[in-house]
C-alpha atoms as a PDB file:
ATOM      1  CA  MET A   1      16.852 -36.064  -1.939  1.00  0.00           C
ATOM      2  CA  SER A   2      19.163 -33.886  -4.048  1.00  0.00           C
ATOM      3  CA  ASN A   3      19.992 -30.325  -3.074  1.00  0.00           C
ATOM      4  CA  ALA A   4      18.241 -29.127  -6.231  1.00  0.00           C
ATOM      5  CA  PHE A   5      14.884 -30.530  -5.105  1.00  0.00           C
ATOM      6  CA  SER A   6      15.421 -29.305  -1.543  1.00  0.00           C
ATOM      7  CA  GLU A   7      15.901 -25.816  -2.954  1.00  0.00           C
ATOM      8  CA  LEU A   8      12.697 -26.152  -4.980  1.00  0.00           C
ATOM      9  CA  ILE A   9      10.792 -27.049  -1.804  1.00  0.00           C
ATOM     10  CA  GLU A  10      12.221 -24.002  -0.020  1.00  0.00           C
ATOM     11  CA  ARG A  11      11.319 -21.775  -2.962  1.00  0.00           C
ATOM     12  CA  ALA A  12       7.779 -23.088  -3.009  1.00  0.00           C
ATOM     13  CA  GLY A  13       7.482 -22.337   0.701  1.00  0.00           C
ATOM     14  CA  SER A  14       8.562 -18.749   0.072  1.00  0.00           C
ATOM     15  CA  GLU A  15       6.140 -18.444  -2.878  1.00  0.00           C
ATOM     16  CA  GLN A  16       8.823 -18.166  -5.552  1.00  0.00           C
ATOM     17  CA  PRO A  17       7.219 -19.838  -8.595  1.00  0.00           C
ATOM     18  CA  LEU A  18       9.091 -22.015 -11.045  1.00  0.00           C
ATOM     19  CA  THR A  19       9.927 -20.380 -14.350  1.00  0.00           C
ATOM     20  CA  ARG A  20       8.865 -21.871 -17.666  1.00  0.00           C
ATOM     21  CA  ASP A  21      12.468 -22.876 -18.397  1.00  0.00           C
ATOM     22  CA  GLU A  22      12.764 -24.654 -15.045  1.00  0.00           C
ATOM     23  CA  ILE A  23       9.516 -26.518 -15.652  1.00  0.00           C
ATOM     24  CA  HIS A  24      10.679 -27.527 -19.123  1.00  0.00           C
ATOM     25  CA  THR A  25      14.034 -28.732 -17.788  1.00  0.00           C
ATOM     26  CA  LEU A  26      12.286 -30.936 -15.228  1.00  0.00           C
ATOM     27  CA  LEU A  27      10.033 -32.358 -17.943  1.00  0.00           C
ATOM     28  CA  VAL A  28      12.796 -33.315 -20.366  1.00  0.00           C
ATOM     29  CA  ASP A  29      15.765 -33.933 -18.056  1.00  0.00           C
ATOM     30  CA  GLY A  30      14.035 -35.449 -15.039  1.00  0.00           C
ATOM     31  CA  GLU A  31      14.435 -39.076 -16.095  1.00  0.00           C
ATOM     32  CA  GLY A  32      16.327 -40.989 -13.437  1.00  0.00           C
ATOM     33  CA  GLN A  33      15.206 -38.544 -10.764  1.00  0.00           C
ATOM     34  CA  ASP A  34      11.542 -39.469 -10.767  1.00  0.00           C
ATOM     35  CA  PHE A  35      11.353 -40.773  -7.205  1.00  0.00           C
ATOM     36  CA  ALA A  36      13.230 -37.767  -5.816  1.00  0.00           C
ATOM     37  CA  LEU A  37      10.808 -35.561  -7.740  1.00  0.00           C
ATOM     38  CA  ILE A  38       7.804 -37.460  -6.368  1.00  0.00           C
ATOM     39  CA  GLU A  39       9.205 -37.223  -2.840  1.00  0.00           C
ATOM     40  CA  ALA A  40       9.627 -33.452  -3.171  1.00  0.00           C
ATOM     41  CA  ALA A  41       6.077 -33.120  -4.503  1.00  0.00           C
ATOM     42  CA  SER A  42       4.648 -35.256  -1.689  1.00  0.00           C
ATOM     43  CA  ILE A  43       6.404 -33.081   0.914  1.00  0.00           C
ATOM     44  CA  LEU A  44       4.815 -29.954  -0.560  1.00  0.00           C
ATOM     45  CA  ARG A  45       1.421 -31.660  -0.736  1.00  0.00           C
ATOM     46  CA  ARG A  46       1.699 -32.735   2.904  1.00  0.00           C
ATOM     47  CA  ASN A  47       2.761 -29.245   3.992  1.00  0.00           C
ATOM     48  CA  GLU A  48      -0.290 -27.731   2.312  1.00  0.00           C
ATOM     49  CA  PHE A  49      -2.994 -30.395   2.685  1.00  0.00           C
ATOM     50  CA  ARG A  50      -1.595 -32.620   5.472  1.00  0.00           C
ATOM     51  CA  ASN A  51      -2.898 -36.176   5.021  1.00  0.00           C
ATOM     52  CA  MET A  52      -6.300 -35.085   3.694  1.00  0.00           C
ATOM     53  CA  ILE A  53      -7.802 -35.725   0.277  1.00  0.00           C
ATOM     54  CA  ALA A  54     -11.096 -34.491  -1.170  1.00  0.00           C
ATOM     55  CA  VAL A  55     -13.322 -37.115  -2.782  1.00  0.00           C
ATOM     56  CA  HIS A  56     -15.864 -35.869  -5.307  1.00  0.00           C
ATOM     57  CA  THR A  57     -18.993 -37.587  -6.594  1.00  0.00           C
ATOM     58  CA  GLU A  58     -22.129 -36.290  -8.277  1.00  0.00           C
ATOM     59  CA  ASN A  59     -24.234 -38.898  -6.455  1.00  0.00           C
ATOM     60  CA  GLU A  60     -25.563 -37.374  -3.222  1.00  0.00           C
ATOM     61  CA  GLU A  61     -26.443 -40.751  -1.694  1.00  0.00           C
ATOM     62  CA  LEU A  62     -22.920 -41.997  -2.308  1.00  0.00           C
ATOM     63  CA  ALA A  63     -21.476 -38.780  -0.870  1.00  0.00           C
ATOM     64  CA  ASP A  64     -23.597 -39.271   2.267  1.00  0.00           C
ATOM     65  CA  ALA A  65     -22.435 -42.875   2.581  1.00  0.00           C
ATOM     66  CA  LEU A  66     -18.803 -41.815   2.366  1.00  0.00           C
ATOM     67  CA  GLY A  67     -19.369 -38.885   4.686  1.00  0.00           C
ATOM     68  CA  THR A  68     -17.785 -36.530   2.171  1.00  0.00           C
ATOM     69  CA  ARG A  69     -18.957 -33.504   0.245  1.00  0.00           C
ATOM     70  CA  SER A  70     -18.752 -32.590  -3.421  1.00  0.00           C
ATOM     71  CA  ILE A  71     -16.167 -30.061  -4.560  1.00  0.00           C
ATOM     72  CA  ALA A  72     -16.542 -27.326  -7.171  1.00  0.00           C
ATOM     73  CA  VAL A  73     -14.479 -29.039  -9.860  1.00  0.00           C
ATOM     74  CA  ASP A  74     -16.265 -27.078 -12.595  1.00  0.00           C
ATOM     75  CA  SER A  75     -14.424 -23.938 -11.500  1.00  0.00           C
ATOM     76  CA  TYR A  76     -10.988 -25.564 -11.814  1.00  0.00           C
ATOM     77  CA  ASP A  77      -8.475 -25.018 -14.583  1.00  0.00           C
ATOM     78  CA  VAL A  78      -7.863 -28.010 -16.853  1.00  0.00           C
ATOM     79  CA  LEU A  79      -4.512 -29.543 -17.779  1.00  0.00           C
ATOM     80  CA  ASP A  80      -5.181 -31.921 -20.660  1.00  0.00           C
ATOM     81  CA  ILE A  81      -2.284 -34.296 -21.243  1.00  0.00           C
ATOM     82  CA  SER A  82      -4.551 -36.926 -22.786  1.00  0.00           C
ATOM     83  CA  ARG A  83      -3.917 -35.273 -26.144  1.00  0.00           C
ATOM     84  CA  ASP A  84      -0.676 -34.957 -28.099  1.00  0.00           C
ATOM     85  CA  ILE A  85       1.210 -32.141 -26.352  1.00  0.00           C
ATOM     86  CA  ASP A  86       4.927 -31.398 -26.575  1.00  0.00           C
ATOM     87  CA  SER A  87       7.153 -30.431 -23.661  1.00  0.00           C
ATOM     88  CA  GLU A  88       7.340 -26.746 -24.624  1.00  0.00           C
ATOM     89  CA  GLU A  89       3.559 -26.345 -24.678  1.00  0.00           C
ATOM     90  CA  LEU A  90       3.186 -28.382 -21.502  1.00  0.00           C
ATOM     91  CA  ALA A  91       5.715 -26.220 -19.636  1.00  0.00           C
ATOM     92  CA  GLU A  92       3.920 -23.073 -20.788  1.00  0.00           C
ATOM     93  CA  THR A  93       0.530 -24.471 -19.728  1.00  0.00           C
ATOM     94  CA  ILE A  94       1.790 -25.482 -16.279  1.00  0.00           C
ATOM     95  CA  GLU A  95       3.301 -22.027 -15.754  1.00  0.00           C
ATOM     96  CA  ARG A  96       0.005 -20.395 -16.752  1.00  0.00           C
ATOM     97  CA  ILE A  97      -2.033 -22.651 -14.460  1.00  0.00           C
ATOM     98  CA  ALA A  98       0.327 -21.972 -11.549  1.00  0.00           C
ATOM     99  CA  ALA A  99      -0.284 -18.228 -11.959  1.00  0.00           C
ATOM    100  CA  SER A 100      -4.068 -18.619 -12.401  1.00  0.00           C
ATOM    101  CA  PRO A 101      -6.436 -17.429  -9.638  1.00  0.00           C
ATOM    102  CA  ALA A 102      -8.348 -20.734  -9.793  1.00  0.00           C
ATOM    103  CA  ILE A 103      -7.936 -22.753  -6.609  1.00  0.00           C
ATOM    104  CA  GLY A 104      -7.641 -26.066  -8.402  1.00  0.00           C
ATOM    105  CA  VAL A 105      -6.708 -27.862 -11.610  1.00  0.00           C
ATOM    106  CA  THR A 106      -8.225 -31.010 -13.114  1.00  0.00           C
ATOM    107  CA  VAL A 107      -5.670 -33.183 -14.898  1.00  0.00           C
ATOM    108  CA  LEU A 108      -6.900 -35.309 -17.807  1.00  0.00           C
ATOM    109  CA  LEU A 109      -4.648 -38.341 -18.213  1.00  0.00           C
ATOM    110  CA  PRO A 110      -4.079 -40.546 -21.268  1.00  0.00           C
ATOM    111  CA  LYS A 111      -4.722 -44.271 -20.908  1.00  0.00           C
ATOM    112  CA  ASN A 112      -1.804 -45.451 -23.037  1.00  0.00           C
ATOM    113  CA  ALA A 113       1.102 -43.588 -21.444  1.00  0.00           C
ATOM    114  CA  VAL A 114       3.847 -44.827 -19.128  1.00  0.00           C
ATOM    115  CA  PRO A 115       2.516 -44.346 -15.550  1.00  0.00           C
ATOM    116  CA  MET A 116       5.852 -43.081 -14.216  1.00  0.00           C
ATOM    117  CA  MET A 117       5.879 -40.354 -16.871  1.00  0.00           C
ATOM    118  CA  LEU A 118       2.438 -39.260 -15.693  1.00  0.00           C
ATOM    119  CA  MET A 119       3.703 -39.212 -12.114  1.00  0.00           C
ATOM    120  CA  ARG A 120       6.517 -36.935 -13.255  1.00  0.00           C
ATOM    121  CA  VAL A 121       4.044 -34.461 -14.769  1.00  0.00           C
ATOM    122  CA  LEU A 122       1.832 -34.525 -11.650  1.00  0.00           C
ATOM    123  CA  SER A 123       4.869 -33.973  -9.423  1.00  0.00           C
ATOM    124  CA  ILE A 124       6.128 -31.051 -11.516  1.00  0.00           C
ATOM    125  CA  LEU A 125       2.650 -29.540 -11.415  1.00  0.00           C
ATOM    126  CA  ARG A 126       2.706 -29.824  -7.614  1.00  0.00           C
ATOM    127  CA  LEU A 127       6.134 -28.140  -7.468  1.00  0.00           C
ATOM    128  CA  ALA A 128       4.912 -25.346  -9.739  1.00  0.00           C
ATOM    129  CA  ALA A 129       1.590 -24.895  -7.919  1.00  0.00           C
ATOM    130  CA  PRO A 130       2.067 -26.198  -4.352  1.00  0.00           C
ATOM    131  CA  SER A 131      -1.108 -24.680  -2.904  1.00  0.00           C
ATOM    132  CA  LYS A 132      -3.516 -25.663  -5.693  1.00  0.00           C
ATOM    133  CA  VAL A 133      -5.933 -28.554  -5.490  1.00  0.00           C
ATOM    134  CA  ILE A 134      -4.772 -31.107  -8.060  1.00  0.00           C
ATOM    135  CA  HIS A 135      -7.822 -33.130  -9.049  1.00  0.00           C
ATOM    136  CA  LEU A 136      -8.001 -36.401 -10.969  1.00  0.00           C
ATOM    137  CA  PRO A 137     -11.345 -37.233 -12.628  1.00  0.00           C
ATOM    138  CA  GLU A 138     -12.808 -40.707 -13.133  1.00  0.00           C
ATOM    139  CA  GLY A 139     -10.604 -43.214 -14.914  1.00  0.00           C
ATOM    140  CA  TYR A 140      -7.291 -42.075 -13.470  1.00  0.00           C
ATOM    141  CA  ASP A 141      -6.632 -45.542 -12.060  1.00  0.00           C
ATOM    142  CA  GLN A 142      -6.629 -46.983 -15.588  1.00  0.00           C
ATOM    143  CA  SER A 143      -3.862 -44.551 -16.523  1.00  0.00           C
ATOM    144  CA  LEU A 144      -1.724 -44.719 -13.383  1.00  0.00           C
ATOM    145  CA  ARG A 145      -2.293 -48.433 -12.817  1.00  0.00           C
ATOM    146  CA  SER A 146       0.097 -49.727 -10.130  1.00  0.00           C
ATOM    147  CA  LEU A 147       1.186 -46.170  -9.261  1.00  0.00           C
ATOM    148  CA  THR A 148      -2.337 -45.058  -8.309  1.00  0.00           C
ATOM    149  CA  SER A 149      -1.645 -45.318  -4.570  1.00  0.00           C
ATOM    150  CA  LEU A 150       1.585 -43.334  -4.969  1.00  0.00           C
ATOM    151  CA  ALA A 151      -0.275 -40.595  -6.845  1.00  0.00           C
ATOM    152  CA  MET A 152      -2.549 -40.055  -3.844  1.00  0.00           C
ATOM    153  CA  HIS A 153       0.456 -38.531  -2.055  1.00  0.00           C
ATOM    154  CA  VAL A 154       0.827 -35.902  -4.805  1.00  0.00           C
ATOM    155  CA  VAL A 155      -2.735 -34.997  -5.804  1.00  0.00           C
ATOM    156  CA  SER A 156      -5.286 -33.637  -3.348  1.00  0.00           C
ATOM    157  CA  ALA A 157      -8.672 -34.504  -4.891  1.00  0.00           C
ATOM    158  CA  ILE A 158     -10.193 -37.390  -6.837  1.00  0.00           C
ATOM    159  CA  THR A 159     -13.558 -38.199  -8.370  1.00  0.00           C
ATOM    160  CA  ILE A 160     -14.979 -41.670  -7.805  1.00  0.00           C
ATOM    161  CA  THR A 161     -17.661 -43.236  -9.931  1.00  0.00           C
ATOM    162  CA  ASP A 162     -21.129 -44.207  -8.757  1.00  0.00           C
ATOM    163  CA  ASP A 163     -21.294 -46.943 -11.412  1.00  0.00           C
ATOM    164  CA  ILE A 164     -22.164 -50.060  -9.415  1.00  0.00           C
ATOM    165  CA  GLU A 165     -20.450 -52.259 -12.004  1.00  0.00           C
ATOM    166  CA  GLN A 166     -17.139 -50.661 -11.001  1.00  0.00           C
ATOM    167  CA  TRP A 167     -17.579 -50.999  -7.245  1.00  0.00           C
ATOM    168  CA  PRO A 168     -14.591 -53.379  -6.791  1.00  0.00           C
ATOM    169  CA  MET A 169     -12.318 -50.667  -8.207  1.00  0.00           C
ATOM    170  CA  VAL A 170     -13.772 -48.007  -5.883  1.00  0.00           C
ATOM    171  CA  ASN A 171     -13.417 -50.434  -2.987  1.00  0.00           C
ATOM    172  CA  GLU A 172      -9.704 -50.868  -3.776  1.00  0.00           C
ATOM    173  CA  ILE A 173      -9.200 -47.092  -4.008  1.00  0.00           C
ATOM    174  CA  LEU A 174     -10.764 -46.534  -0.594  1.00  0.00           C
ATOM    175  CA  LYS A 175      -8.669 -49.351   0.870  1.00  0.00           C
ATOM    176  CA  SER A 176      -5.483 -47.878  -0.594  1.00  0.00           C
ATOM    177  CA  LEU A 177      -6.292 -44.491   0.937  1.00  0.00           C
ATOM    178  CA  ARG A 178      -6.766 -46.106   4.336  1.00  0.00           C
ATOM    179  CA  HIS A 179      -3.563 -48.136   4.056  1.00  0.00           C
ATOM    180  CA  GLY A 180      -1.665 -45.031   2.949  1.00  0.00           C
ATOM    181  CA  GLY A 181      -2.805 -43.074   6.000  1.00  0.00           C
ATOM    182  CA  ILE A 182      -4.788 -40.621   3.857  1.00  0.00           C
ATOM    183  CA  VAL A 183      -8.028 -39.297   5.341  1.00  0.00           C
ATOM    184  CA  ILE A 184     -10.991 -38.201   3.237  1.00  0.00           C
ATOM    185  CA  SER A 185     -11.808 -34.606   4.078  1.00  0.00           C
ATOM    186  CA  GLY A 186     -15.249 -33.893   5.498  1.00  0.00           C
ATOM    187  CA  THR A 187     -15.784 -37.365   6.940  1.00  0.00           C
ATOM    188  CA  GLY A 188     -15.239 -36.222  10.511  1.00  0.00           C
ATOM    189  CA  GLY A 189     -13.459 -39.433  11.417  1.00  0.00           C
ATOM    190  CA  ARG A 190     -16.096 -41.702   9.871  1.00  0.00           C
ATOM    191  CA  ASP A 191     -14.950 -44.865   8.128  1.00  0.00           C
ATOM    192  CA  ALA A 192     -15.578 -44.103   4.449  1.00  0.00           C
ATOM    193  CA  LEU A 193     -14.830 -47.671   3.378  1.00  0.00           C
ATOM    194  CA  ALA A 194     -17.341 -49.139   5.834  1.00  0.00           C
ATOM    195  CA  GLY A 195     -19.889 -46.557   4.701  1.00  0.00           C
ATOM    196  CA  TYR A 196     -19.320 -47.512   1.079  1.00  0.00           C
ATOM    197  CA  LEU A 197     -19.797 -51.214   1.785  1.00  0.00           C
ATOM    198  CA  ARG A 198     -23.071 -50.474   3.614  1.00  0.00           C
ATOM    199  CA  TYR A 199     -24.150 -48.354   0.635  1.00  0.00           C
ATOM    200  CA  LEU A 200     -23.468 -51.273  -1.716  1.00  0.00           C
ATOM    201  CA  SER A 201     -25.272 -53.729   0.550  1.00  0.00           C
ATOM    202  CA  ASP A 202     -28.340 -51.475   0.621  1.00  0.00           C
ATOM    203  CA  LEU A 203     -28.305 -51.508  -3.189  1.00  0.00           C
ATOM    204  CA  GLY A 204     -28.304 -55.311  -3.185  1.00  0.00           C
ATOM    205  CA  VAL A 205     -24.714 -55.874  -4.294  1.00  0.00           C
ATOM    206  CA  ASP A 206     -23.581 -59.432  -3.497  1.00  0.00           C
ATOM    207  CA  LEU A 207     -20.409 -58.641  -1.548  1.00  0.00           C
ATOM    208  CA  MET A 208     -20.058 -62.153  -0.127  1.00  0.00           C
ATOM    209  CA  GLY A 209     -20.384 -63.737  -3.550  1.00  0.00           C
ATOM    210  CA  HIS A 210     -17.637 -61.459  -4.837  1.00  0.00           C
ATOM    211  CA  ARG A 211     -15.329 -62.442  -1.977  1.00  0.00           C
ATOM    212  CA  GLU A 212     -15.941 -66.129  -2.660  1.00  0.00           C
ATOM    213  CA  ALA A 213     -15.221 -65.620  -6.360  1.00  0.00           C
ATOM    214  CA  ARG A 214     -11.991 -63.805  -5.551  1.00  0.00           C
ATOM    215  CA  GLY A 215     -11.000 -66.576  -3.172  1.00  0.00           C
ATOM    216  CA  SER A 216     -10.397 -68.901  -6.130  1.00  0.00           C
ATOM    217  CA  ALA A 217      -8.685 -66.305  -8.316  1.00  0.00           C
ATOM    218  CA  CYS A 218      -4.958 -66.035  -8.937  1.00  0.00           C
ATOM    219  CA  GLY A 219      -3.337 -63.628  -6.494  1.00  0.00           C
ATOM    220  CA  SER A 220      -6.508 -63.011  -4.498  1.00  0.00           C
ATOM    221  CA  VAL A 221      -6.032 -61.263  -1.174  1.00  0.00           C
ATOM    222  CA  ASP A 222      -9.110 -62.986   0.189  1.00  0.00           C
ATOM    223  CA  GLY A 223      -7.669 -66.473  -0.002  1.00  0.00           C
ATOM    224  CA  GLY A 224      -6.910 -69.175  -2.518  1.00  0.00           C
ATOM    225  CA  GLY A 225      -5.166 -68.456  -5.770  1.00  0.00           C
ATOM    226  CA  CYS A 226      -1.438 -68.528  -6.481  1.00  0.00           C
ATOM    227  CA  GLY A 227       0.854 -70.026  -3.921  1.00  0.00           C
ATOM    228  CA  CYS A 228      -1.895 -71.661  -1.900  1.00  0.00           C
ATOM    229  CA  GLY A 229      -0.942 -75.259  -2.622  1.00  0.00           C
ATOM    230  CA  SER A 230      -2.434 -78.015  -4.807  1.00  0.00           C
ATOM    231  CA  GLY A 231       0.403 -77.771  -7.301  1.00  0.00           C
ATOM    232  CA  GLY A 232      -0.061 -74.082  -7.924  1.00  0.00           C
ATOM    233  CA  CYS A 233       2.558 -71.344  -8.102  1.00  0.00           C
ATOM    234  CA  GLY A 234       5.542 -72.366  -6.037  1.00  0.00           C
ATOM    235  CA  SER A 235       4.104 -75.738  -5.024  1.00  0.00           C
ATOM    236  CA  HIS A 236       6.386 -78.766  -5.012  1.00  0.00           C
ATOM    237  CA  GLU A 237       3.697 -81.149  -6.186  1.00  0.00           C
ATOM    238  CA  GLU A 238       3.247 -81.957  -9.847  1.00  0.00           C
ATOM    239  CA  PRO A 239      -0.109 -80.467 -10.917  1.00  0.00           C
ATOM    240  CA  ALA A 240      -2.542 -82.534 -12.905  1.00  0.00           C
ATOM    241  CA  PRO A 241      -3.193 -81.340 -16.471  1.00  0.00           C
ATOM    242  CA  SER A 242      -6.680 -80.217 -15.517  1.00  0.00           C
ATOM    243  CA  ALA A 243      -5.643 -78.455 -12.336  1.00  0.00           C
ATOM    244  CA  GLY A 244      -5.170 -75.139 -14.069  1.00  0.00           C
ATOM    245  CA  GLY A 245      -1.738 -74.480 -12.556  1.00  0.00           C
ATOM    246  CA  CYS A 246      -1.727 -71.161 -10.766  1.00  0.00           C
ATOM    247  CA  GLY A 247      -5.424 -71.292  -9.978  1.00  0.00           C
ATOM    248  CA  CYS A 248      -6.224 -68.851 -12.771  1.00  0.00           C
ATOM    249  CA  GLY A 249      -8.395 -71.176 -14.820  1.00  0.00           C
ATOM    250  CA  SER A 250      -8.128 -74.536 -16.485  1.00  0.00           C
ATOM    251  CA  GLY A 251      -5.532 -73.273 -18.941  1.00  0.00           C
ATOM    252  CA  GLY A 252      -2.955 -71.817 -16.565  1.00  0.00           C
ATOM    253  CA  CYS A 253      -2.318 -68.235 -15.478  1.00  0.00           C
ATOM    254  CA  GLY A 254      -4.988 -66.168 -17.144  1.00  0.00           C
ATOM    255  CA  SER A 255      -5.604 -68.632 -19.985  1.00  0.00           C
ATOM    256  CA  SER A 256      -9.032 -69.885 -20.979  1.00  0.00           C
ATOM    257  CA  ALA A 257      -7.689 -72.821 -22.996  1.00  0.00           C
ATOM    258  CA  GLU A 258      -6.795 -76.212 -21.565  1.00  0.00           C
ATOM    259  CA  ALA A 259      -3.041 -76.511 -20.956  1.00  0.00           C
ATOM    260  CA  PRO A 260      -1.105 -79.631 -21.978  1.00  0.00           C
ATOM    261  CA  ALA A 261       0.234 -81.805 -19.190  1.00  0.00           C
ATOM    262  CA  GLU A 262       3.890 -81.167 -20.011  1.00  0.00           C
ATOM    263  CA  ALA A 263       3.428 -77.413 -19.572  1.00  0.00           C
ATOM    264  CA  HIS A 264       2.273 -77.981 -15.953  1.00  0.00           C
ATOM    265  CA  GLY A 265      -0.840 -75.883 -16.626  1.00  0.00           C
ATOM    266  CA  HIS A 266       1.123 -72.621 -16.673  1.00  0.00           C
ATOM    267  CA  SER A 267       1.530 -71.788 -20.334  1.00  0.00           C
ATOM    268  CA  HIS A 268       0.579 -68.371 -21.597  1.00  0.00           C
ATOM    269  CA  GLY A 269       0.523 -69.351 -25.210  1.00  0.00           C
ATOM    270  CA  ASP A 270       4.052 -68.579 -26.478  1.00  0.00           C
ATOM    271  CA  GLY A 271       5.690 -71.644 -25.112  1.00  0.00           C
ATOM    272  CA  GLY A 272       7.016 -70.521 -21.714  1.00  0.00           C
ATOM    273  CA  CYS A 273       5.849 -70.525 -18.200  1.00  0.00           C
ATOM    274  CA  CYS A 274       3.889 -67.593 -16.815  1.00  0.00           C
ATOM    275  CA  GLY A 275       4.806 -65.165 -19.540  1.00  0.00           C
ATOM    276  CA  GLY A 276       7.035 -66.892 -22.039  1.00  0.00           C
ATOM    277  CA  HIS A 277       9.921 -68.197 -19.883  1.00  0.00           C
ATOM    278  CA  ASP A 278      11.785 -71.422 -20.614  1.00  0.00           C
ATOM    279  CA  GLU A 279      10.187 -74.728 -19.698  1.00  0.00           C
ATOM    280  CA  PRO A 280      10.188 -75.156 -15.881  1.00  0.00           C
ATOM    281  CA  LYS A 281      12.392 -77.865 -14.395  1.00  0.00           C
ATOM    282  CA  GLU A 282      10.496 -80.745 -12.806  1.00  0.00           C
ATOM    283  CA  GLU A 283      12.655 -80.892  -9.708  1.00  0.00           C
ATOM    284  CA  LYS A 284      11.882 -77.271  -8.798  1.00  0.00           C
ATOM    285  CA  GLY A 285       8.196 -77.844  -8.945  1.00  0.00           C
ATOM    286  CA  GLY A 286       5.624 -75.820 -10.771  1.00  0.00           C
ATOM    287  CA  CYS A 287       5.169 -72.299 -11.972  1.00  0.00           C
ATOM    288  CA  CYS A 288       6.577 -69.106 -10.431  1.00  0.00           C
ATOM    289  CA  GLY A 289       9.451 -70.745  -8.654  1.00  0.00           C
ATOM    290  CA  GLY A 290      10.695 -73.448 -10.961  1.00  0.00           C
ATOM    291  CA  HIS A 291      11.483 -71.735 -14.264  1.00  0.00           C
ATOM    292  CA  ASP A 292      14.776 -70.352 -15.469  1.00  0.00           C
ATOM    293  CA  GLU A 293      15.762 -66.809 -14.548  1.00  0.00           C
ATOM    294  CA  PRO A 294      13.960 -64.474 -17.006  1.00  0.00           C
ATOM    295  CA  GLU A 295      15.901 -61.920 -18.954  1.00  0.00           C
ATOM    296  CA  PRO A 296      15.329 -58.388 -17.631  1.00  0.00           C
ATOM    297  CA  VAL A 297      12.932 -56.329 -19.699  1.00  0.00           C
ATOM    298  CA  VAL A 298      14.345 -52.952 -20.654  1.00  0.00           C
ATOM    299  CA  GLU A 299      11.814 -50.366 -21.724  1.00  0.00           C
ATOM    300  CA  GLU A 300      12.975 -47.819 -24.214  1.00  0.00           C
ATOM    301  CA  ALA A 301      12.340 -44.216 -23.256  1.00  0.00           C
ATOM    302  CA  PRO A 302       9.541 -42.723 -25.370  1.00  0.00           C
ATOM    303  CA  ALA A 303      10.780 -40.258 -27.920  1.00  0.00           C
ATOM    304  CA  GLY A 304       9.977 -36.581 -27.795  1.00  0.00           C
ATOM    305  CA  GLY A 305       7.585 -34.531 -25.768  1.00  0.00           C
ATOM    306  CA  CYS A 306       7.397 -34.824 -22.018  1.00  0.00           C
ATOM    307  CA  GLY A 307       7.955 -38.548 -22.184  1.00  0.00           C
ATOM    308  CA  CYS A 308       4.307 -39.621 -22.133  1.00  0.00           C
ATOM    309  CA  GLY A 309       4.197 -40.676 -25.769  1.00  0.00           C
ATOM    310  CA  ALA A 310       5.981 -40.496 -29.068  1.00  0.00           C
ATOM    311  CA  GLY A 311       4.929 -36.940 -29.768  1.00  0.00           C
ATOM    312  CA  GLY A 312       4.194 -35.803 -26.258  1.00  0.00           C
ATOM    313  CA  CYS A 313       1.725 -36.735 -23.521  1.00  0.00           C
ATOM    314  CA  GLY A 314      -0.959 -39.060 -24.789  1.00  0.00           C
ATOM    315  CA  SER A 315       0.587 -39.788 -28.165  1.00  0.00           C
ATOM    316  CA  LYS A 316       0.890 -43.325 -29.410  1.00  0.00           C
END
């Protein structure tokens, strides 16, 4: 970690708030230092909240099953970066929230922004307001995507849905908290994940049927899927045209159409293997292990604002 971020941690510990100019500089010049920024924010979060996180739900039965308690999110400040907001306004808003007497802040995230840019904003908010509860409402996982687990080390409260249709997503969130060593506050050592699964079972959710369905899906953690043989990803056997390649359906990885035999069942539609690569070589056998080396994808930095969109956070 750079000396600059170490100094910010020391300042936060001595209750010396960041200035608006410092916040703005981190927003616009922090690219390339994102992981150091996240590390600094996670240290401050751990110093203040240890490994605890508050889980909020309006459903009392679900709260009882998890062993948690609802939090007063209605009294929190709101940082809305789901709208078009430029870096100057964002820096001013973060400074104001940091000085507010409210104990927490709810952050509204856009769904079409770059997840790492959102992590930068959350980390800067933590540096500016180290002792505040940073709360993410429902839907944050759709915005943060693969960085959701990382965000749990920066924020200190989340809301989970009681929509039964979305139970697999809630299940994954609870599993990621457990794997990350994060404990839900108020549970008193109870296993929140086990409580949630019992809650679902009592409601008649077919957990076993879901596991069996996942067992045949590509990349499933419950078994089957890619890399499990039968000419799938990485297999050295030539798959039959109807085998569906990576185990993602009869048309290859994620496709619903039947794949031609010469494509080995792995085509995604634009002529390539598993995402538009060159035709895989027969001697290397199958998808995800037999195609040519793909060209690296370079994402252009979004223009303007805090980096979350073309005109600021949330802009398209």
